[in-house]
Amino acid sequence: MTEQTSNGRRFSAAAGNEFWDVQALRSEFGTAREPVKIIMHERQMPDPRARFAMACIERWGMVCAMPDGEDSGGRQKLRPATVSEITEHACACAEAAYDQFQKRGWFIAVPSYQELVDSVKDQENGND
């Protein structure tokens, strides 16, 4: 299916899955440097807690170790943490951190988009 946008460009759905819509966008104006551009639109996005957990996973993924008994000299042995252990720990840390942020009042309430638009219109109309 091909559709035309208001600026004269044509696009068509190229691919996609549950996470992305992929569009091929073609310029209708003269000789563009790139006659086709790929546009990707996210259909699912992580919330801030998930992004925080992913940041933890990125940092811990290669260095996280778990106790694994003792060697013949009585020293602690360590093994790399499994993927499951790393992700479970990261999610638990993210959940605990966000609970603490909420208790401390570190979240800022942001009005909805529509409330902001209405507020700007009120200010423009002198309805402070």
C-alpha atoms as a PDB file:
ATOM      1  CA  MET A   1       0.000   0.000   0.000  1.00  0.00           C
ATOM      2  CA  THR A   2       1.428   3.403  -1.030  1.00  0.00           C
ATOM      3  CA  GLU A   3       0.220   6.681   0.453  1.00  0.00           C
ATOM      4  CA  GLN A   4       1.181  10.297  -0.147  1.00  0.00           C
ATOM      5  CA  THR A   5       2.120  12.697   2.637  1.00  0.00           C
ATOM      6  CA  SER A   6       1.216  16.394   2.719  1.00  0.00           C
ATOM      7  CA  ASN A   7       4.704  17.384   1.528  1.00  0.00           C
ATOM      8  CA  GLY A   8       4.489  15.310  -1.652  1.00  0.00           C
ATOM      9  CA  ARG A   9       6.500  12.325  -0.514  1.00  0.00           C
ATOM     10  CA  ARG A  10       5.294   8.825  -1.068  1.00  0.00           C
ATOM     11  CA  PHE A  11       5.758   6.066   1.457  1.00  0.00           C
ATOM     12  CA  SER A  12       4.855   2.435   1.727  1.00  0.00           C
ATOM     13  CA  ALA A  13       4.992  -0.103   4.509  1.00  0.00           C
ATOM     14  CA  ALA A  14       8.179  -2.073   3.963  1.00  0.00           C
ATOM     15  CA  ALA A  15       8.310  -4.403   6.950  1.00  0.00           C
ATOM     16  CA  GLY A  16       7.591  -4.609  10.618  1.00  0.00           C
ATOM     17  CA  ASN A  17       6.987  -6.699  13.674  1.00  0.00           C
ATOM     18  CA  GLU A  18       5.528  -6.158  17.143  1.00  0.00           C
ATOM     19  CA  PHE A  19       8.344  -3.693  17.961  1.00  0.00           C
ATOM     20  CA  TRP A  20       8.752  -1.699  14.739  1.00  0.00           C
ATOM     21  CA  ASP A  21       6.921  -0.357  11.700  1.00  0.00           C
ATOM     22  CA  VAL A  22       9.336   0.116   8.823  1.00  0.00           C
ATOM     23  CA  GLN A  23       8.425   2.506   6.016  1.00  0.00           C
ATOM     24  CA  ALA A  24      10.153   3.229   2.716  1.00  0.00           C
ATOM     25  CA  LEU A  25       9.892   6.950   1.950  1.00  0.00           C
ATOM     26  CA  ARG A  26      10.580   8.179  -1.605  1.00  0.00           C
ATOM     27  CA  SER A  27      11.126  11.818  -2.530  1.00  0.00           C
ATOM     28  CA  GLU A  28       9.039  13.216  -5.385  1.00  0.00           C
ATOM     29  CA  PHE A  29      11.187  16.349  -5.743  1.00  0.00           C
ATOM     30  CA  GLY A  30      13.946  16.325  -8.379  1.00  0.00           C
ATOM     31  CA  THR A  31      17.032  14.257  -7.831  1.00  0.00           C
ATOM     32  CA  ALA A  32      17.419  13.662  -4.140  1.00  0.00           C
ATOM     33  CA  ARG A  33      20.732  12.397  -2.814  1.00  0.00           C
ATOM     34  CA  GLU A  34      18.857   9.486  -1.330  1.00  0.00           C
ATOM     35  CA  PRO A  35      15.923   8.543  -3.541  1.00  0.00           C
ATOM     36  CA  VAL A  36      14.621   6.221  -0.790  1.00  0.00           C
ATOM     37  CA  LYS A  37      14.861   6.687   2.946  1.00  0.00           C
ATOM     38  CA  ILE A  38      13.926   4.075   5.539  1.00  0.00           C
ATOM     39  CA  ILE A  39      11.839   5.360   8.419  1.00  0.00           C
ATOM     40  CA  MET A  40      11.470   3.245  11.574  1.00  0.00           C
ATOM     41  CA  HIS A  41       8.715   3.872  14.089  1.00  0.00           C
ATOM     42  CA  GLU A  42       8.856   2.135  17.461  1.00  0.00           C
ATOM     43  CA  ARG A  43       5.648   0.368  18.427  1.00  0.00           C
ATOM     44  CA  GLN A  44       6.829  -0.577  21.911  1.00  0.00           C
ATOM     45  CA  MET A  45       9.119   1.488  24.074  1.00  0.00           C
ATOM     46  CA  PRO A  46      10.610   0.684  27.476  1.00  0.00           C
ATOM     47  CA  ASP A  47       9.476   2.796  30.394  1.00  0.00           C
ATOM     48  CA  PRO A  48      12.128   4.552  32.545  1.00  0.00           C
ATOM     49  CA  ARG A  49      12.415   1.562  34.909  1.00  0.00           C
ATOM     50  CA  ALA A  50      13.124  -0.767  32.001  1.00  0.00           C
ATOM     51  CA  ARG A  51      15.740   1.653  30.601  1.00  0.00           C
ATOM     52  CA  PHE A  52      17.368   1.808  34.052  1.00  0.00           C
ATOM     53  CA  ALA A  53      17.392  -2.004  34.268  1.00  0.00           C
ATOM     54  CA  MET A  54      18.912  -2.217  30.774  1.00  0.00           C
ATOM     55  CA  ALA A  55      21.643   0.229  31.815  1.00  0.00           C
ATOM     56  CA  CYS A  56      22.393  -2.038  34.793  1.00  0.00           C
ATOM     57  CA  ILE A  57      22.500  -5.090  32.535  1.00  0.00           C
ATOM     58  CA  GLU A  58      24.896  -3.301  30.166  1.00  0.00           C
ATOM     59  CA  ARG A  59      27.252  -2.505  33.029  1.00  0.00           C
ATOM     60  CA  TRP A  60      27.050  -5.815  34.877  1.00  0.00           C
ATOM     61  CA  GLY A  61      26.753  -8.238  31.993  1.00  0.00           C
ATOM     62  CA  MET A  62      30.444  -8.949  31.578  1.00  0.00           C
ATOM     63  CA  VAL A  63      31.660  -8.496  35.158  1.00  0.00           C
ATOM     64  CA  CYS A  64      28.972  -9.889  37.423  1.00  0.00           C
ATOM     65  CA  ALA A  65      30.175 -12.999  39.268  1.00  0.00           C
ATOM     66  CA  MET A  66      28.564 -15.409  41.699  1.00  0.00           C
ATOM     67  CA  PRO A  67      30.144 -17.511  44.472  1.00  0.00           C
ATOM     68  CA  ASP A  68      31.106 -20.964  43.258  1.00  0.00           C
ATOM     69  CA  GLY A  69      32.627 -22.771  46.228  1.00  0.00           C
ATOM     70  CA  GLU A  70      36.301 -22.740  47.156  1.00  0.00           C
ATOM     71  CA  ASP A  71      39.471 -23.764  45.388  1.00  0.00           C
ATOM     72  CA  SER A  72      42.008 -26.225  46.864  1.00  0.00           C
ATOM     73  CA  GLY A  73      43.678 -23.355  48.790  1.00  0.00           C
ATOM     74  CA  GLY A  74      40.410 -22.393  50.514  1.00  0.00           C
ATOM     75  CA  ARG A  75      39.897 -19.233  48.444  1.00  0.00           C
ATOM     76  CA  GLN A  76      36.499 -18.207  47.163  1.00  0.00           C
ATOM     77  CA  LYS A  77      35.830 -19.317  43.605  1.00  0.00           C
ATOM     78  CA  LEU A  78      33.614 -17.210  41.351  1.00  0.00           C
ATOM     79  CA  ARG A  79      31.705 -18.041  38.202  1.00  0.00           C
ATOM     80  CA  PRO A  80      30.166 -15.679  35.684  1.00  0.00           C
ATOM     81  CA  ALA A  81      26.541 -14.900  36.473  1.00  0.00           C
ATOM     82  CA  THR A  82      24.001 -16.405  34.116  1.00  0.00           C
ATOM     83  CA  VAL A  83      21.908 -14.222  31.847  1.00  0.00           C
ATOM     84  CA  SER A  84      18.880 -15.054  33.981  1.00  0.00           C
ATOM     85  CA  GLU A  85      20.671 -14.035  37.194  1.00  0.00           C
ATOM     86  CA  ILE A  86      21.874 -10.755  35.687  1.00  0.00           C
ATOM     87  CA  THR A  87      18.453  -9.757  34.352  1.00  0.00           C
ATOM     88  CA  GLU A  88      16.647 -10.773  37.543  1.00  0.00           C
ATOM     89  CA  HIS A  89      19.105  -8.740  39.641  1.00  0.00           C
ATOM     90  CA  ALA A  90      18.891  -5.722  37.318  1.00  0.00           C
ATOM     91  CA  CYS A  91      15.076  -5.743  37.392  1.00  0.00           C
ATOM     92  CA  ALA A  92      15.050  -6.116  41.190  1.00  0.00           C
ATOM     93  CA  CYS A  93      17.482  -3.187  41.496  1.00  0.00           C
ATOM     94  CA  ALA A  94      15.408  -1.062  39.113  1.00  0.00           C
ATOM     95  CA  GLU A  95      12.210  -1.844  41.024  1.00  0.00           C
ATOM     96  CA  ALA A  96      13.801  -1.060  44.397  1.00  0.00           C
ATOM     97  CA  ALA A  97      15.381   2.131  43.058  1.00  0.00           C
ATOM     98  CA  TYR A  98      12.104   3.410  41.612  1.00  0.00           C
ATOM     99  CA  ASP A  99      10.264   2.590  44.843  1.00  0.00           C
ATOM    100  CA  GLN A 100      12.872   4.639  46.727  1.00  0.00           C
ATOM    101  CA  PHE A 101      12.645   7.496  44.211  1.00  0.00           C
ATOM    102  CA  GLN A 102       8.866   7.556  44.715  1.00  0.00           C
ATOM    103  CA  LYS A 103       9.189   7.575  48.529  1.00  0.00           C
ATOM    104  CA  ARG A 104      11.708  10.441  48.380  1.00  0.00           C
ATOM    105  CA  GLY A 105       9.559  12.484  46.015  1.00  0.00           C
ATOM    106  CA  TRP A 106      12.164  12.457  43.254  1.00  0.00           C
ATOM    107  CA  PHE A 107       9.585  12.149  40.487  1.00  0.00           C
ATOM    108  CA  ILE A 108       8.178  15.273  38.899  1.00  0.00           C
ATOM    109  CA  ALA A 109       4.516  15.266  37.899  1.00  0.00           C
ATOM    110  CA  VAL A 110       4.239  16.382  34.272  1.00  0.00           C
ATOM    111  CA  PRO A 111       0.873  17.494  32.869  1.00  0.00           C
ATOM    112  CA  SER A 112      -0.551  15.582  29.941  1.00  0.00           C
ATOM    113  CA  TYR A 113       0.080  16.885  26.441  1.00  0.00           C
ATOM    114  CA  GLN A 114      -3.500  18.116  26.176  1.00  0.00           C
ATOM    115  CA  GLU A 115      -3.229  19.957  29.515  1.00  0.00           C
ATOM    116  CA  LEU A 116      -0.075  21.704  28.277  1.00  0.00           C
ATOM    117  CA  VAL A 117      -1.734  22.689  24.985  1.00  0.00           C
ATOM    118  CA  ASP A 118      -4.762  24.030  26.878  1.00  0.00           C
ATOM    119  CA  SER A 119      -2.487  25.959  29.243  1.00  0.00           C
ATOM    120  CA  VAL A 120      -0.628  27.615  26.363  1.00  0.00           C
ATOM    121  CA  LYS A 121      -3.916  28.534  24.687  1.00  0.00           C
ATOM    122  CA  ASP A 122      -5.194  30.020  27.963  1.00  0.00           C
ATOM    123  CA  GLN A 123      -2.012  32.102  28.314  1.00  0.00           C
ATOM    124  CA  GLU A 124      -2.303  33.334  24.727  1.00  0.00           C
ATOM    125  CA  ASN A 125      -5.934  34.324  25.355  1.00  0.00           C
ATOM    126  CA  GLY A 126      -5.072  36.108  28.606  1.00  0.00           C
ATOM    127  CA  ASN A 127      -6.883  33.527  30.771  1.00  0.00           C
ATOM    128  CA  ASP A 128      -4.101  33.099  33.303  1.00  0.00           C
END
